Structures are given as C-alpha cells and as structure tokens.
C-alpha cells in the first residue's frame, strides 16, 4: 500500500472536434506527467462537448480510434487516466442503449492500457438556469446509469467515481464512503452560473461530511455562443481545506495527497463512527 498519490486535474475548453480535444489532452497530460502525476483526471465531456452528437460518435468508427489514443496515452506514461465522461453505446451488460441515447460513462484506464473501472452517470441535469442556454435536459440524449456506486483501487487508495451533477446528491458519496472510498472524483462541466454559486461549496461539503479527499475537475470557458462552463478545478482535503486549484482557463495542477492526512482527520474527529442513521 502506498502512502502518497500524486493526483492531477486537467482543465479544458472542449469542443465538438474530438481530434482537437485529444491533442489538447495529450499536451496537458504530458506536462502533468513531467510533474510526476500518477492519477490524471479529465473533465466531463472531455472528447465531445455536444450532447446531440453523442450517439453518432458512439456508433462511429472514430470511437475505437479515440479510445485507443487514450489507452496508449496511459501506457506511454505509466499512469492511471480517468476519462471524466464519454458517451457509451452499450450498457455494462453489453446491451445497446435504446431510443438513440447513450450512457454518460466515466472510465478508469490503468498503466497497462486496460479499462479497470466504469461508472455511468445516475443523476441527469434536467434544469432551468439563468444563463444564455436557459434550459438543460440531459435526459434527451442520455440514459440514467444503474444505482451502482463504483470504487477503484489505485496504488492502495480507494477512488470513488461520480460525474458533475452527482455532487448535489450526498447519499451517493456516503455510499462510496461505505465502500471504503478515500478520494472522490468529480469530473464536471458545471455551468458558469451554477458553478459560481455552488461548485466550491459542494466539493467542500462532500469532503467534510465523508472525511475524504475530493478532486473536482471542470470544463472552462465558452464552448458555443450559449454554453459557458465555470472551470475552477479544485482539490479539497478530508477536513474541507482547499489544497490546489485553477481559475477559468485551461491548464492543470498536480498535488501529492497523503494517507496520513486521512488517518489524522478520521482519528481526531471520528464522525463516521458516530453515525446514528445508516
């Protein structure tokens, strides 16, 4: 079991062009690896920021080529690489998603280029926001995932998977904690309006109430004339302290998390053992 883990957040302004997105991911991952990153996390919609085109990509020959690029990137740099979300044509049981929709899937790729973790987004962003887009309805293009919290072991740290809007639902993170999670990943594409209001508050809350590290990795900037995302990728400690962060431009950071910080927080304030409702 390792006592430290170098985690990296890659923040992007992704577009409809997956080839351009892959090139930018490759560039930023290589920089993060130079800073000794071991676990590299990409945001939601990392290779395609266009909900109406998700099914077309998932059905195309480009899908295999794109995923091959990702696996080769992980192998080349000997890293764990997390695809924040990407459209999947098939459910985990191999059955095709019906009605022209996809699953919004977070994938974990190991240093051998193998897919070792999968989580399908369970909470879909069907809301009205006071911005230029005004209305968002992910369920038009995405099928809800199954209620199966996913935890992946990375160098002895238990990594809990989630996607964006999930962060508003604390019961998911408590379920991940019950499975032994040490770190929560929250790849996201928060709107600028909702991000400015709630992003950091939600990340901090999930860290404090579960005494886990929380790594939120966001999209940033303008993706179209009506869609602006918040950025501000951030890492929070188990005590709710912000350890690292970005602003509103593409970039990355790398931070070494310490198992000792987890143990110190949970020993000094053993909140999880004091729970009355389970």
Protein backbone atom coordinates (compact mmCIF):
# COMPACT_ATOMS: atom_id res chain seq x y z
CA UNK A 1 0.00 0.00 0.00
CA UNK A 2 1.33 3.41 -0.99
CA UNK A 3 1.17 6.27 1.49
CA UNK A 4 1.08 9.02 -1.13
CA UNK A 5 -0.59 9.53 -4.51
CA UNK A 6 0.17 12.30 -7.00
CA UNK A 7 -3.17 13.38 -8.47
CA UNK A 8 -3.62 15.69 -11.44
CA UNK A 9 -6.57 17.71 -12.70
CA UNK A 10 -6.71 18.56 -16.41
CA UNK A 11 -8.98 21.53 -17.17
CA UNK A 12 -10.13 22.12 -20.75
CA UNK A 13 -12.41 24.04 -23.06
CA UNK A 14 -13.55 21.05 -25.10
CA UNK A 15 -15.31 21.42 -28.45
CA UNK A 16 -17.23 19.26 -30.95
CA UNK A 17 -13.96 18.20 -32.61
CA UNK A 18 -12.69 15.10 -30.80
CA UNK A 19 -9.33 15.11 -32.61
CA UNK A 20 -8.56 18.64 -31.35
CA UNK A 21 -9.65 17.64 -27.86
CA UNK A 22 -7.38 14.57 -27.89
CA UNK A 23 -4.41 16.71 -28.93
CA UNK A 24 -5.01 19.16 -26.10
CA UNK A 25 -5.46 16.33 -23.60
CA UNK A 26 -2.20 14.76 -24.80
CA UNK A 27 -0.34 18.06 -24.38
CA UNK A 28 -1.60 18.70 -20.85
CA UNK A 29 -1.19 15.10 -19.70
CA UNK A 30 2.44 15.17 -20.80
CA UNK A 31 3.00 18.32 -18.75
CA UNK A 32 1.31 16.77 -15.72
CA UNK A 33 3.46 13.64 -16.06
CA UNK A 34 6.58 15.81 -16.05
CA UNK A 35 5.36 16.95 -12.62
CA UNK A 36 5.16 13.29 -11.53
CA UNK A 37 1.41 12.77 -11.85
CA UNK A 38 0.28 9.18 -11.26
CA UNK A 39 -3.53 9.59 -11.37
CA UNK A 40 -4.65 12.01 -14.09
CA UNK A 41 -8.31 13.04 -14.22
CA UNK A 42 -10.02 14.57 -17.26
CA UNK A 43 -13.31 16.52 -17.09
CA UNK A 44 -16.81 15.61 -18.16
CA UNK A 45 -17.47 15.72 -21.93
CA UNK A 46 -13.72 15.75 -22.42
CA UNK A 47 -13.63 14.47 -26.01
CA UNK A 48 -17.01 15.72 -27.23
CA UNK A 49 -18.87 18.77 -25.96
CA UNK A 50 -22.05 18.32 -27.98
CA UNK A 51 -24.94 16.35 -26.50
CA UNK A 52 -26.80 15.90 -29.76
CA UNK A 53 -23.77 14.26 -31.38
CA UNK A 54 -23.02 11.74 -28.63
CA UNK A 55 -24.85 8.83 -30.24
CA UNK A 56 -23.25 9.45 -33.63
CA UNK A 57 -19.76 9.30 -32.12
CA UNK A 58 -20.58 6.23 -30.03
CA UNK A 59 -21.75 4.38 -33.18
CA UNK A 60 -18.89 5.55 -35.40
CA UNK A 61 -15.52 4.03 -36.26
CA UNK A 62 -13.97 7.07 -34.57
CA UNK A 63 -14.96 5.68 -31.17
CA UNK A 64 -12.45 2.83 -31.29
CA UNK A 65 -9.71 5.13 -32.59
CA UNK A 66 -10.36 7.67 -29.86
CA UNK A 67 -10.32 5.11 -27.06
CA UNK A 68 -7.14 3.60 -28.48
CA UNK A 69 -5.49 7.02 -28.19
CA UNK A 70 -6.49 7.15 -24.53
CA UNK A 71 -5.21 3.68 -23.67
CA UNK A 72 -1.91 4.33 -25.46
CA UNK A 73 -1.51 7.61 -23.55
CA UNK A 74 -1.92 5.80 -20.22
CA UNK A 75 0.54 3.07 -21.25
CA UNK A 76 3.11 5.51 -22.59
CA UNK A 77 3.27 7.45 -19.32
CA UNK A 78 2.58 4.59 -16.88
CA UNK A 79 -0.37 6.42 -15.32
CA UNK A 80 -3.95 5.86 -14.32
CA UNK A 81 -6.04 8.03 -16.65
CA UNK A 82 -9.67 8.85 -15.86
CA UNK A 83 -11.95 9.84 -18.72
CA UNK A 84 -14.32 12.15 -16.86
CA UNK A 85 -17.22 11.18 -19.09
CA UNK A 86 -17.66 9.83 -22.58
CA UNK A 87 -20.71 8.53 -24.49
CA UNK A 88 -21.10 4.74 -24.36
CA UNK A 89 -23.30 2.89 -26.83
CA UNK A 90 -23.53 -0.19 -24.61
CA UNK A 91 -24.66 -0.71 -21.04
CA UNK A 92 -22.27 -2.58 -18.72
CA UNK A 93 -24.09 -5.85 -19.53
CA UNK A 94 -23.41 -5.39 -23.25
CA UNK A 95 -26.97 -4.43 -24.19
CA UNK A 96 -27.26 -1.46 -26.55
CA UNK A 97 -28.77 1.71 -25.08
CA UNK A 98 -32.19 2.19 -26.76
CA UNK A 99 -34.03 5.23 -28.13
CA UNK A 100 -30.98 6.81 -29.77
CA UNK A 101 -29.42 7.63 -26.40
CA UNK A 102 -26.08 6.79 -24.74
CA UNK A 103 -24.75 6.24 -21.25
CA UNK A 104 -22.54 9.03 -19.93
CA UNK A 105 -19.61 6.95 -18.69
CA UNK A 106 -16.61 7.69 -16.50
CA UNK A 107 -13.80 5.27 -17.42
CA UNK A 108 -10.63 4.43 -15.48
CA UNK A 109 -7.67 3.25 -17.59
CA UNK A 110 -4.71 1.62 -15.83
CA UNK A 111 -0.99 1.90 -16.73
CA UNK A 112 -1.28 -1.22 -18.91
CA UNK A 113 -3.97 0.47 -21.00
CA UNK A 114 -6.77 -1.67 -19.59
CA UNK A 115 -10.20 -0.36 -18.61
CA UNK A 116 -10.43 -1.20 -14.90
CA UNK A 117 -13.35 0.95 -13.77
CA UNK A 118 -16.66 2.17 -15.15
CA UNK A 119 -19.34 4.40 -13.68
CA UNK A 120 -22.43 5.54 -15.61
CA UNK A 121 -23.88 8.88 -14.50
CA UNK A 122 -27.05 8.34 -12.46
CA UNK A 123 -28.24 11.93 -11.90
CA UNK A 124 -29.08 13.80 -15.10
CA UNK A 125 -29.01 17.59 -15.38
CA UNK A 126 -32.58 18.48 -16.39
CA UNK A 127 -32.87 22.02 -15.07
CA UNK A 128 -33.50 25.66 -15.91
CA UNK A 129 -30.58 28.05 -15.40
CA UNK A 130 -30.45 31.83 -15.63
CA UNK A 131 -27.92 31.94 -18.46
CA UNK A 132 -27.87 32.13 -22.27
CA UNK A 133 -28.69 28.44 -22.70
CA UNK A 134 -31.58 28.76 -20.20
CA UNK A 135 -32.68 25.12 -20.31
CA UNK A 136 -30.69 21.90 -19.99
CA UNK A 137 -32.15 18.43 -20.45
CA UNK A 138 -29.51 15.71 -20.46
CA UNK A 139 -32.18 13.01 -20.47
CA UNK A 140 -32.95 13.85 -24.11
CA UNK A 141 -29.64 12.24 -25.10
CA UNK A 142 -28.53 10.23 -22.07
CA UNK A 143 -29.94 7.20 -20.29
CA UNK A 144 -29.56 7.13 -16.49
CA UNK A 145 -26.96 4.72 -15.17
CA UNK A 146 -27.66 1.93 -12.72
CA UNK A 147 -27.55 2.61 -8.97
CA UNK A 148 -24.14 1.00 -8.54
CA UNK A 149 -21.57 3.14 -6.68
CA UNK A 150 -18.10 2.37 -8.05
CA UNK A 151 -14.81 2.36 -6.12
CA UNK A 152 -11.49 1.56 -7.83
CA UNK A 153 -8.19 0.74 -6.12
CA UNK A 154 -5.29 2.90 -7.31
CA UNK A 155 -1.97 2.28 -5.57
CA UNK A 156 -3.80 1.35 -2.38
CA UNK A 157 -6.10 4.39 -2.36
CA UNK A 158 -9.82 3.72 -2.82
CA UNK A 159 -11.14 6.06 -5.51
CA UNK A 160 -14.88 6.77 -5.68
CA UNK A 161 -16.33 7.72 -9.07
CA UNK A 162 -19.01 10.31 -9.83
CA UNK A 163 -19.89 12.84 -12.54
CA UNK A 164 -20.82 16.53 -12.26
CA UNK A 165 -24.48 16.90 -11.16
CA UNK A 166 -23.99 13.90 -8.86
CA UNK A 167 -22.17 16.21 -6.43
CA UNK A 168 -25.53 17.65 -5.34
CA UNK A 169 -26.64 14.26 -4.01
CA UNK A 170 -24.74 13.45 -0.80
CA UNK A 171 -26.22 9.96 -0.48
CA UNK A 172 -24.08 8.78 -3.41
CA UNK A 173 -20.89 9.87 -1.64
CA UNK A 174 -21.96 8.29 1.63
CA UNK A 175 -22.48 5.04 -0.28
CA UNK A 176 -18.97 5.39 -1.72
CA UNK A 177 -17.62 6.03 1.77
CA UNK A 178 -19.34 2.88 2.99
CA UNK A 179 -17.38 1.04 0.28
CA UNK A 180 -14.14 2.41 1.71
CA UNK A 181 -13.52 5.43 -0.52
CA UNK A 182 -10.58 7.68 0.37
CA UNK A 183 -10.86 10.03 -2.62
CA UNK A 184 -13.90 11.20 -4.61
CA UNK A 185 -13.51 12.23 -8.24
CA UNK A 186 -15.99 14.78 -9.62
CA UNK A 187 -15.30 15.38 -13.33
CA UNK A 188 -17.69 18.10 -14.37
CA UNK A 189 -18.97 20.66 -16.86
CA UNK A 190 -20.69 22.99 -14.39
CA UNK A 191 -22.43 25.96 -15.98
CA UNK A 192 -20.81 29.28 -15.10
CA UNK A 193 -23.87 30.43 -13.16
CA UNK A 194 -24.31 27.29 -11.05
CA UNK A 195 -20.57 26.88 -10.63
CA UNK A 196 -20.10 30.39 -9.29
CA UNK A 197 -22.92 29.80 -6.83
CA UNK A 198 -22.25 26.27 -5.61
CA UNK A 199 -19.18 24.45 -7.03
CA UNK A 200 -16.67 25.03 -4.22
CA UNK A 201 -19.32 24.79 -1.51
CA UNK A 202 -20.46 21.38 -2.75
CA UNK A 203 -16.93 19.99 -3.11
CA UNK A 204 -16.03 21.16 0.38
CA UNK A 205 -19.24 19.74 1.85
CA UNK A 206 -18.68 16.31 0.33
CA UNK A 207 -15.12 16.29 1.72
CA UNK A 208 -16.09 17.39 5.23
CA UNK A 209 -19.07 15.10 5.74
CA UNK A 210 -17.22 12.00 4.47
CA UNK A 211 -13.67 12.89 5.58
CA UNK A 212 -12.34 12.16 2.09
CA UNK A 213 -10.21 13.99 -0.43
CA UNK A 214 -12.39 15.45 -3.20
CA UNK A 215 -10.97 16.27 -6.64
CA UNK A 216 -13.31 18.32 -8.82
CA UNK A 217 -12.14 18.60 -12.43
CA UNK A 218 -14.05 21.02 -14.62
CA UNK A 219 -14.56 22.28 -18.12
CA UNK A 220 -13.97 26.02 -18.53
CA UNK A 221 -14.78 28.88 -20.88
CA UNK A 222 -17.14 29.26 -23.84
CA UNK A 223 -17.93 26.11 -25.82
CA UNK A 224 -20.55 27.79 -28.03
CA UNK A 225 -22.44 31.07 -28.18
CA UNK A 226 -24.72 29.90 -25.38
CA UNK A 227 -22.66 27.44 -23.29
CA UNK A 228 -20.13 28.68 -20.75
CA UNK A 229 -18.60 26.49 -18.07
CA UNK A 230 -17.08 27.51 -14.75
CA UNK A 231 -13.69 25.82 -14.52
CA UNK A 232 -12.11 26.27 -11.07
CA UNK A 233 -10.90 22.66 -10.80
CA UNK A 234 -10.09 22.11 -7.14
CA UNK A 235 -8.78 19.58 -4.63
CA UNK A 236 -10.16 19.54 -1.09
CA UNK A 237 -8.69 17.82 1.97
CA UNK A 238 -10.67 15.47 4.27
CA UNK A 239 -11.02 18.47 6.62
CA UNK A 240 -12.54 20.67 3.89
CA UNK A 241 -9.45 22.75 3.14
CA UNK A 242 -8.70 23.72 -0.45
CA UNK A 243 -5.30 22.29 -1.33
CA UNK A 244 -4.95 23.24 -5.01
CA UNK A 245 -6.99 24.87 -7.73
CA UNK A 246 -7.24 26.53 -11.12
CA UNK A 247 -9.20 29.57 -12.28
CA UNK A 248 -11.16 29.94 -15.54
CA UNK A 249 -8.59 28.96 -18.19
CA UNK A 250 -7.36 25.59 -19.49
CA UNK A 251 -4.48 24.10 -17.56
CA UNK A 252 -3.56 21.54 -14.95
CA UNK A 253 -2.27 21.05 -11.44
CA UNK A 254 -0.57 18.16 -9.66
CA UNK A 255 -0.78 17.60 -5.91
CA UNK A 256 0.55 14.84 -3.67
CA UNK A 257 -2.12 13.56 -1.30
CA UNK A 258 -1.01 11.87 1.91
CA UNK A 259 -2.66 8.88 3.58
CA UNK A 260 -1.53 10.39 6.87
CA UNK A 261 -3.93 13.31 6.36
CA UNK A 262 -6.84 10.89 6.02
CA UNK A 263 -5.88 8.96 9.13
CA UNK A 264 -5.24 12.10 11.16
CA UNK A 265 -8.63 13.61 10.31
CA UNK A 266 -10.58 10.41 10.89
CA UNK A 267 -8.79 9.64 14.17
CA UNK A 268 -9.05 13.09 15.71
CA UNK A 269 -12.69 13.55 14.68
CA UNK A 270 -14.22 10.08 14.17
CA UNK A 271 -17.52 11.35 12.75
CA UNK A 272 -18.17 8.26 10.64
CA UNK A 273 -18.17 6.03 13.72
CA UNK A 274 -20.69 8.35 15.42
CA UNK A 275 -23.39 7.91 12.77
CA UNK A 276 -26.86 7.01 14.07
CA UNK A 277 -28.73 6.76 10.78
CA UNK A 278 -27.47 4.23 8.23
